[in-house]
Amino acid sequence: MFEITDTQKIGVGLSAFGIFFIFLGVMLLLDRSLLALGNILFIAGLACVIGRERTFRFFFQRHKAKGSIAFFGGIFLVLIKWPLFGMIAETYGFILLFSGFFPVAINFLRRVPILGTLLSLPGIGSLIDWLETQPGQECEKL
């Protein structure tokens, strides 16, 4: 078993607050301030969880250039007051960057007692199976 450091615990909290502020920004009709704050907190949390060097290597790998450009371009668009286009670009970049982790996350969620039952329902189960078996989604090491 591995030990979680205090920095990693702080990183999880920062990432959770970042996702919360992004969600709140979208719910409040693409509030630019909340979206920008959420983006900053999410990236800072990711850097605390996996480390600055590994975060840098994750975003700036050659085969992830398209996803990184879309993700950071979306953040830039949010900051220059185009939140709708920025969130579309960020979502596209996020899917490209983190699609390799979707099968691992789905397998974990299927083992959670109540959530696993919900993910096994007929309509949701077929969608989850489709997401899990998309081509090009290899789980990569950071």
N, C-alpha and C. Protein backbone atom coordinates (compact mmCIF):
# COMPACT_ATOMS: atom_id res chain seq x y z
N MET A 1 0.85 -1.18 0.00
CA MET A 1 0.00 0.00 0.00
C MET A 1 0.89 1.24 0.00
N PHE A 2 0.44 2.26 -0.64
CA PHE A 2 1.23 3.49 -0.72
C PHE A 2 0.63 4.55 0.19
N GLU A 3 1.49 5.46 0.60
CA GLU A 3 1.06 6.51 1.52
C GLU A 3 0.75 7.78 0.75
N ILE A 4 -0.31 8.45 1.15
CA ILE A 4 -0.71 9.70 0.53
C ILE A 4 -0.14 10.85 1.36
N THR A 5 0.60 11.73 0.72
CA THR A 5 1.21 12.85 1.43
C THR A 5 0.19 13.96 1.64
N ASP A 6 0.56 14.91 2.48
CA ASP A 6 -0.32 16.06 2.73
C ASP A 6 -0.51 16.89 1.47
N THR A 7 0.54 17.01 0.67
CA THR A 7 0.45 17.76 -0.58
C THR A 7 -0.56 17.12 -1.53
N GLN A 8 -0.56 15.79 -1.59
CA GLN A 8 -1.53 15.10 -2.45
C GLN A 8 -2.95 15.28 -1.94
N LYS A 9 -3.12 15.29 -0.62
CA LYS A 9 -4.45 15.52 -0.05
C LYS A 9 -4.94 16.93 -0.40
N ILE A 10 -4.05 17.89 -0.31
CA ILE A 10 -4.40 19.26 -0.69
C ILE A 10 -4.74 19.31 -2.17
N GLY A 11 -3.99 18.59 -2.99
CA GLY A 11 -4.24 18.55 -4.43
C GLY A 11 -5.60 17.99 -4.77
N VAL A 12 -6.00 16.94 -4.06
CA VAL A 12 -7.34 16.38 -4.28
C VAL A 12 -8.40 17.41 -3.93
N GLY A 13 -8.21 18.12 -2.85
CA GLY A 13 -9.15 19.17 -2.46
C GLY A 13 -9.20 20.29 -3.49
N LEU A 14 -8.04 20.72 -3.96
CA LEU A 14 -8.00 21.78 -4.99
C LEU A 14 -8.69 21.33 -6.27
N SER A 15 -8.43 20.10 -6.69
CA SER A 15 -9.08 19.59 -7.90
C SER A 15 -10.59 19.50 -7.72
N ALA A 16 -11.02 19.05 -6.55
CA ALA A 16 -12.46 18.95 -6.29
C ALA A 16 -13.11 20.34 -6.31
N PHE A 17 -12.46 21.32 -5.67
CA PHE A 17 -12.99 22.68 -5.72
C PHE A 17 -12.98 23.22 -7.15
N GLY A 18 -11.95 22.88 -7.91
CA GLY A 18 -11.89 23.32 -9.31
C GLY A 18 -13.04 22.77 -10.12
N ILE A 19 -13.32 21.49 -9.96
CA ILE A 19 -14.45 20.88 -10.68
C ILE A 19 -15.76 21.50 -10.22
N PHE A 20 -15.88 21.75 -8.90
CA PHE A 20 -17.10 22.38 -8.38
C PHE A 20 -17.30 23.77 -8.98
N PHE A 21 -16.23 24.59 -9.03
CA PHE A 21 -16.37 25.94 -9.58
C PHE A 21 -16.65 25.92 -11.08
N ILE A 22 -16.08 24.97 -11.80
CA ILE A 22 -16.39 24.84 -13.22
C ILE A 22 -17.86 24.48 -13.39
N PHE A 23 -18.34 23.52 -12.60
CA PHE A 23 -19.75 23.13 -12.66
C PHE A 23 -20.65 24.31 -12.31
N LEU A 24 -20.30 25.04 -11.26
CA LEU A 24 -21.09 26.19 -10.85
C LEU A 24 -21.06 27.28 -11.92
N GLY A 25 -19.91 27.49 -12.55
CA GLY A 25 -19.80 28.47 -13.62
C GLY A 25 -20.66 28.12 -14.82
N VAL A 26 -20.75 26.84 -15.14
CA VAL A 26 -21.60 26.41 -16.25
C VAL A 26 -23.07 26.57 -15.87
N MET A 27 -23.41 26.21 -14.64
CA MET A 27 -24.80 26.33 -14.20
C MET A 27 -25.27 27.78 -14.12
N LEU A 28 -24.36 28.69 -13.84
CA LEU A 28 -24.71 30.11 -13.77
C LEU A 28 -24.46 30.80 -15.12
N LEU A 29 -24.84 30.09 -16.18
CA LEU A 29 -24.79 30.63 -17.54
C LEU A 29 -23.39 31.09 -17.96
N LEU A 30 -22.43 30.20 -17.78
CA LEU A 30 -21.05 30.40 -18.21
C LEU A 30 -20.44 31.66 -17.61
N ASP A 31 -20.48 31.73 -16.30
CA ASP A 31 -19.86 32.84 -15.59
C ASP A 31 -18.34 32.74 -15.75
N ARG A 32 -17.77 33.74 -16.35
CA ARG A 32 -16.35 33.72 -16.71
C ARG A 32 -15.44 33.63 -15.50
N SER A 33 -15.76 34.32 -14.44
CA SER A 33 -14.92 34.33 -13.24
C SER A 33 -14.87 32.95 -12.58
N LEU A 34 -16.02 32.32 -12.44
CA LEU A 34 -16.05 31.00 -11.83
C LEU A 34 -15.34 29.96 -12.69
N LEU A 35 -15.51 30.06 -14.01
CA LEU A 35 -14.84 29.12 -14.90
C LEU A 35 -13.32 29.27 -14.83
N ALA A 36 -12.85 30.51 -14.82
CA ALA A 36 -11.40 30.75 -14.74
C ALA A 36 -10.85 30.25 -13.41
N LEU A 37 -11.55 30.53 -12.31
CA LEU A 37 -11.11 30.06 -11.00
C LEU A 37 -11.10 28.54 -10.95
N GLY A 38 -12.12 27.91 -11.51
CA GLY A 38 -12.17 26.45 -11.54
C GLY A 38 -11.04 25.84 -12.34
N ASN A 39 -10.71 26.45 -13.47
CA ASN A 39 -9.59 25.95 -14.28
C ASN A 39 -8.27 26.04 -13.54
N ILE A 40 -8.04 27.16 -12.89
CA ILE A 40 -6.79 27.35 -12.15
C ILE A 40 -6.69 26.36 -11.00
N LEU A 41 -7.78 26.19 -10.26
CA LEU A 41 -7.76 25.26 -9.13
C LEU A 41 -7.58 23.82 -9.60
N PHE A 42 -8.20 23.45 -10.71
CA PHE A 42 -8.07 22.07 -11.22
C PHE A 42 -6.63 21.77 -11.61
N ILE A 43 -6.01 22.68 -12.35
CA ILE A 43 -4.63 22.45 -12.79
C ILE A 43 -3.67 22.48 -11.59
N ALA A 44 -3.89 23.38 -10.64
CA ALA A 44 -3.04 23.42 -9.44
C ALA A 44 -3.21 22.14 -8.63
N GLY A 45 -4.42 21.64 -8.53
CA GLY A 45 -4.66 20.39 -7.81
C GLY A 45 -4.00 19.20 -8.48
N LEU A 46 -4.07 19.16 -9.80
CA LEU A 46 -3.41 18.09 -10.54
C LEU A 46 -1.91 18.12 -10.32
N ALA A 47 -1.34 19.33 -10.31
CA ALA A 47 0.10 19.46 -10.07
C ALA A 47 0.47 19.02 -8.66
N CYS A 48 -0.39 19.26 -7.69
CA CYS A 48 -0.11 18.82 -6.32
C CYS A 48 -0.23 17.31 -6.17
N VAL A 49 -1.17 16.71 -6.87
CA VAL A 49 -1.39 15.27 -6.74
C VAL A 49 -0.26 14.49 -7.40
N ILE A 50 0.10 14.82 -8.63
CA ILE A 50 1.09 14.00 -9.34
C ILE A 50 2.46 14.67 -9.44
N GLY A 51 2.59 15.91 -9.00
CA GLY A 51 3.87 16.61 -9.04
C GLY A 51 3.96 17.54 -10.24
N ARG A 52 4.76 18.58 -10.07
CA ARG A 52 4.88 19.59 -11.14
C ARG A 52 5.52 19.01 -12.41
N GLU A 53 6.58 18.24 -12.24
CA GLU A 53 7.29 17.71 -13.42
C GLU A 53 6.42 16.73 -14.18
N ARG A 54 5.74 15.85 -13.48
CA ARG A 54 4.88 14.87 -14.15
C ARG A 54 3.67 15.55 -14.80
N THR A 55 3.17 16.61 -14.19
CA THR A 55 2.08 17.37 -14.80
C THR A 55 2.55 18.01 -16.10
N PHE A 56 3.72 18.60 -16.06
CA PHE A 56 4.28 19.22 -17.26
C PHE A 56 4.49 18.18 -18.35
N ARG A 57 5.05 17.03 -17.98
CA ARG A 57 5.27 15.97 -18.97
C ARG A 57 3.94 15.43 -19.51
N PHE A 58 2.92 15.37 -18.65
CA PHE A 58 1.62 14.88 -19.09
C PHE A 58 1.02 15.77 -20.18
N PHE A 59 1.03 17.07 -19.94
CA PHE A 59 0.40 17.99 -20.89
C PHE A 59 1.23 18.23 -22.14
N PHE A 60 2.54 18.09 -22.07
CA PHE A 60 3.38 18.46 -23.20
C PHE A 60 4.07 17.28 -23.86
N GLN A 61 3.38 16.15 -23.96
CA GLN A 61 3.86 15.03 -24.76
C GLN A 61 3.44 15.26 -26.20
N ARG A 62 4.26 14.77 -27.14
CA ARG A 62 4.00 15.02 -28.55
C ARG A 62 2.64 14.46 -28.99
N HIS A 63 2.29 13.26 -28.55
CA HIS A 63 1.03 12.67 -28.99
C HIS A 63 -0.19 13.26 -28.30
N LYS A 64 0.02 14.10 -27.29
CA LYS A 64 -1.09 14.77 -26.62
C LYS A 64 -1.15 16.26 -26.95
N ALA A 65 -0.42 16.67 -27.97
CA ALA A 65 -0.35 18.09 -28.31
C ALA A 65 -1.72 18.65 -28.71
N LYS A 66 -2.47 17.90 -29.47
CA LYS A 66 -3.79 18.37 -29.91
C LYS A 66 -4.72 18.60 -28.72
N GLY A 67 -4.73 17.66 -27.78
CA GLY A 67 -5.57 17.81 -26.60
C GLY A 67 -5.11 18.95 -25.71
N SER A 68 -3.80 19.11 -25.55
CA SER A 68 -3.27 20.19 -24.71
C SER A 68 -3.57 21.55 -25.32
N ILE A 69 -3.41 21.66 -26.63
CA ILE A 69 -3.70 22.93 -27.29
C ILE A 69 -5.18 23.28 -27.15
N ALA A 70 -6.06 22.29 -27.32
CA ALA A 70 -7.49 22.55 -27.17
C ALA A 70 -7.83 22.93 -25.73
N PHE A 71 -7.25 22.22 -24.76
CA PHE A 71 -7.54 22.48 -23.35
C PHE A 71 -7.06 23.86 -22.93
N PHE A 72 -5.80 24.18 -23.19
CA PHE A 72 -5.27 25.48 -22.79
C PHE A 72 -5.82 26.61 -23.66
N GLY A 73 -6.14 26.30 -24.92
CA GLY A 73 -6.80 27.29 -25.77
C GLY A 73 -8.18 27.63 -25.24
N GLY A 74 -8.88 26.63 -24.72
CA GLY A 74 -10.19 26.86 -24.11
C GLY A 74 -10.09 27.73 -22.88
N ILE A 75 -9.06 27.50 -22.07
CA ILE A 75 -8.85 28.35 -20.90
C ILE A 75 -8.59 29.78 -21.35
N PHE A 76 -7.79 29.94 -22.39
CA PHE A 76 -7.51 31.28 -22.91
C PHE A 76 -8.78 31.95 -23.42
N LEU A 77 -9.62 31.19 -24.12
CA LEU A 77 -10.88 31.76 -24.62
C LEU A 77 -11.80 32.19 -23.48
N VAL A 78 -11.81 31.42 -22.41
CA VAL A 78 -12.61 31.82 -21.23
C VAL A 78 -12.08 33.13 -20.67
N LEU A 79 -10.77 33.26 -20.61
CA LEU A 79 -10.18 34.46 -20.03
C LEU A 79 -10.38 35.71 -20.88
N ILE A 80 -10.55 35.54 -22.21
CA ILE A 80 -10.78 36.71 -23.06
C ILE A 80 -12.27 36.92 -23.35
N LYS A 81 -13.10 36.40 -22.45
CA LYS A 81 -14.55 36.65 -22.46
C LYS A 81 -15.32 35.94 -23.57
N TRP A 82 -14.89 34.75 -23.97
CA TRP A 82 -15.65 33.89 -24.87
C TRP A 82 -15.89 32.56 -24.17
N PRO A 83 -16.68 32.56 -23.10
CA PRO A 83 -16.79 31.35 -22.29
C PRO A 83 -17.45 30.16 -23.00
N LEU A 84 -18.41 30.38 -23.88
CA LEU A 84 -19.07 29.27 -24.55
C LEU A 84 -18.08 28.51 -25.43
N PHE A 85 -17.36 29.23 -26.27
CA PHE A 85 -16.39 28.58 -27.13
C PHE A 85 -15.23 28.00 -26.33
N GLY A 86 -14.87 28.69 -25.25
CA GLY A 86 -13.81 28.19 -24.39
C GLY A 86 -14.16 26.88 -23.73
N MET A 87 -15.38 26.76 -23.24
CA MET A 87 -15.79 25.51 -22.59
C MET A 87 -15.91 24.37 -23.60
N ILE A 88 -16.34 24.68 -24.80
CA ILE A 88 -16.40 23.64 -25.84
C ILE A 88 -14.99 23.14 -26.15
N ALA A 89 -14.04 24.06 -26.31
CA ALA A 89 -12.66 23.67 -26.59
C ALA A 89 -12.05 22.93 -25.40
N GLU A 90 -12.32 23.38 -24.20
CA GLU A 90 -11.80 22.70 -23.01
C GLU A 90 -12.34 21.28 -22.89
N THR A 91 -13.62 21.11 -23.14
CA THR A 91 -14.23 19.79 -23.05
C THR A 91 -13.61 18.85 -24.08
N TYR A 92 -13.43 19.33 -25.29
CA TYR A 92 -12.79 18.53 -26.34
C TYR A 92 -11.36 18.16 -25.93
N GLY A 93 -10.61 19.12 -25.43
CA GLY A 93 -9.24 18.86 -25.00
C GLY A 93 -9.20 17.90 -23.82
N PHE A 94 -10.11 18.06 -22.87
CA PHE A 94 -10.17 17.17 -21.71
C PHE A 94 -10.43 15.74 -22.15
N ILE A 95 -11.34 15.55 -23.08
CA ILE A 95 -11.65 14.20 -23.57
C ILE A 95 -10.43 13.61 -24.27
N LEU A 96 -9.74 14.40 -25.08
CA LEU A 96 -8.54 13.89 -25.75
C LEU A 96 -7.43 13.56 -24.75
N LEU A 97 -7.25 14.40 -23.75
CA LEU A 97 -6.17 14.19 -22.79
C LEU A 97 -6.43 13.02 -21.85
N PHE A 98 -7.63 12.90 -21.35
CA PHE A 98 -7.92 11.95 -20.29
C PHE A 98 -8.69 10.72 -20.76
N SER A 99 -8.85 10.53 -22.06
CA SER A 99 -9.61 9.38 -22.55
C SER A 99 -8.95 8.06 -22.20
N GLY A 100 -7.65 8.04 -22.02
CA GLY A 100 -6.96 6.81 -21.63
C GLY A 100 -7.31 6.35 -20.23
N PHE A 101 -7.84 7.23 -19.39
CA PHE A 101 -8.19 6.89 -18.02
C PHE A 101 -9.65 6.49 -17.87
N PHE A 102 -10.46 6.67 -18.89
CA PHE A 102 -11.88 6.36 -18.78
C PHE A 102 -12.15 4.89 -18.46
N PRO A 103 -11.49 3.92 -19.12
CA PRO A 103 -11.77 2.52 -18.77
C PRO A 103 -11.43 2.18 -17.32
N VAL A 104 -10.34 2.72 -16.82
CA VAL A 104 -9.95 2.47 -15.43
C VAL A 104 -10.99 3.07 -14.48
N ALA A 105 -11.42 4.29 -14.76
CA ALA A 105 -12.41 4.95 -13.92
C ALA A 105 -13.76 4.22 -13.97
N ILE A 106 -14.14 3.76 -15.14
CA ILE A 106 -15.41 3.04 -15.28
C ILE A 106 -15.37 1.73 -14.51
N ASN A 107 -14.27 1.00 -14.62
CA ASN A 107 -14.15 -0.25 -13.86
C ASN A 107 -14.20 -0.01 -12.36
N PHE A 108 -13.59 1.07 -11.90
CA PHE A 108 -13.66 1.41 -10.48
C PHE A 108 -15.09 1.74 -10.07
N LEU A 109 -15.78 2.56 -10.88
CA LEU A 109 -17.14 2.96 -10.54
C LEU A 109 -18.11 1.78 -10.56
N ARG A 110 -17.85 0.79 -11.39
CA ARG A 110 -18.72 -0.39 -11.43
C ARG A 110 -18.61 -1.22 -10.16
N ARG A 111 -17.53 -1.06 -9.42
CA ARG A 111 -17.35 -1.83 -8.18
C ARG A 111 -17.92 -1.11 -6.96
N VAL A 112 -18.33 0.13 -7.11
CA VAL A 112 -18.95 0.86 -6.01
C VAL A 112 -20.37 0.32 -5.86
N PRO A 113 -20.78 -0.06 -4.64
CA PRO A 113 -22.04 -0.79 -4.46
C PRO A 113 -23.28 -0.20 -5.14
N ILE A 114 -23.72 0.97 -4.80
CA ILE A 114 -24.97 1.51 -5.36
C ILE A 114 -24.74 2.02 -6.79
N LEU A 115 -23.63 2.68 -7.00
CA LEU A 115 -23.34 3.24 -8.32
C LEU A 115 -23.16 2.14 -9.36
N GLY A 116 -22.57 1.02 -8.97
CA GLY A 116 -22.40 -0.11 -9.88
C GLY A 116 -23.72 -0.65 -10.37
N THR A 117 -24.72 -0.67 -9.49
CA THR A 117 -26.05 -1.13 -9.88
C THR A 117 -26.67 -0.16 -10.88
N LEU A 118 -26.50 1.14 -10.66
CA LEU A 118 -27.04 2.13 -11.59
C LEU A 118 -26.36 2.05 -12.96
N LEU A 119 -25.06 1.79 -12.95
CA LEU A 119 -24.32 1.71 -14.22
C LEU A 119 -24.63 0.43 -14.98
N SER A 120 -25.31 -0.52 -14.36
CA SER A 120 -25.67 -1.77 -15.02
C SER A 120 -27.07 -1.73 -15.63
N LEU A 121 -27.79 -0.65 -15.45
CA LEU A 121 -29.14 -0.53 -16.02
C LEU A 121 -29.05 -0.58 -17.54
N PRO A 122 -30.11 -1.06 -18.23
CA PRO A 122 -30.05 -1.31 -19.67
C PRO A 122 -29.54 -0.14 -20.52
N GLY A 123 -30.11 1.02 -20.43
CA GLY A 123 -29.67 2.14 -21.28
C GLY A 123 -28.31 2.68 -20.90
N ILE A 124 -28.10 2.81 -19.60
CA ILE A 124 -26.84 3.36 -19.10
C ILE A 124 -25.71 2.35 -19.30
N GLY A 125 -26.00 1.08 -19.09
CA GLY A 125 -24.98 0.04 -19.24
C GLY A 125 -24.40 -0.03 -20.64
N SER A 126 -25.26 0.09 -21.65
CA SER A 126 -24.75 0.05 -23.03
C SER A 126 -23.91 1.28 -23.35
N LEU A 127 -24.30 2.44 -22.83
CA LEU A 127 -23.50 3.64 -23.03
C LEU A 127 -22.14 3.53 -22.34
N ILE A 128 -22.13 3.01 -21.13
CA ILE A 128 -20.88 2.82 -20.39
C ILE A 128 -19.99 1.80 -21.09
N ASP A 129 -20.57 0.73 -21.60
CA ASP A 129 -19.78 -0.26 -22.35
C ASP A 129 -19.17 0.38 -23.60
N TRP A 130 -19.92 1.23 -24.26
CA TRP A 130 -19.40 1.91 -25.45
C TRP A 130 -18.25 2.84 -25.09
N LEU A 131 -18.40 3.59 -23.99
CA LEU A 131 -17.33 4.49 -23.55
C LEU A 131 -16.07 3.72 -23.16
N GLU A 132 -16.27 2.55 -22.58
CA GLU A 132 -15.14 1.77 -22.09
C GLU A 132 -14.34 1.12 -23.21
N THR A 133 -14.98 0.83 -24.33
CA THR A 133 -14.30 0.10 -25.40
C THR A 133 -13.95 0.97 -26.60
N GLN A 134 -13.86 2.27 -26.43
CA GLN A 134 -13.48 3.14 -27.54
C GLN A 134 -12.03 2.85 -27.95
N PRO A 135 -11.77 2.83 -29.27
CA PRO A 135 -10.38 2.57 -29.71
C PRO A 135 -9.45 3.69 -29.32
N GLY A 136 -8.21 3.33 -29.07
CA GLY A 136 -7.20 4.32 -28.75
C GLY A 136 -7.21 4.75 -27.31
N GLN A 137 -7.89 4.03 -26.46
CA GLN A 137 -7.95 4.41 -25.05
C GLN A 137 -7.11 3.45 -24.23
N GLU A 138 -5.83 3.53 -24.37
CA GLU A 138 -4.95 2.70 -23.55
C GLU A 138 -4.64 3.48 -22.28
N CYS A 139 -4.60 2.77 -21.21
CA CYS A 139 -4.24 3.41 -19.94
C CYS A 139 -2.75 3.63 -19.95
N GLU A 140 -2.36 4.90 -19.87
CA GLU A 140 -0.94 5.25 -19.97
C GLU A 140 -0.40 5.60 -18.60
N LYS A 141 0.89 5.40 -18.46
CA LYS A 141 1.54 5.83 -17.24
C LYS A 141 1.86 7.29 -17.38
N LEU A 142 1.67 8.03 -16.30
CA LEU A 142 2.00 9.44 -16.32
C LEU A 142 3.47 9.52 -16.32
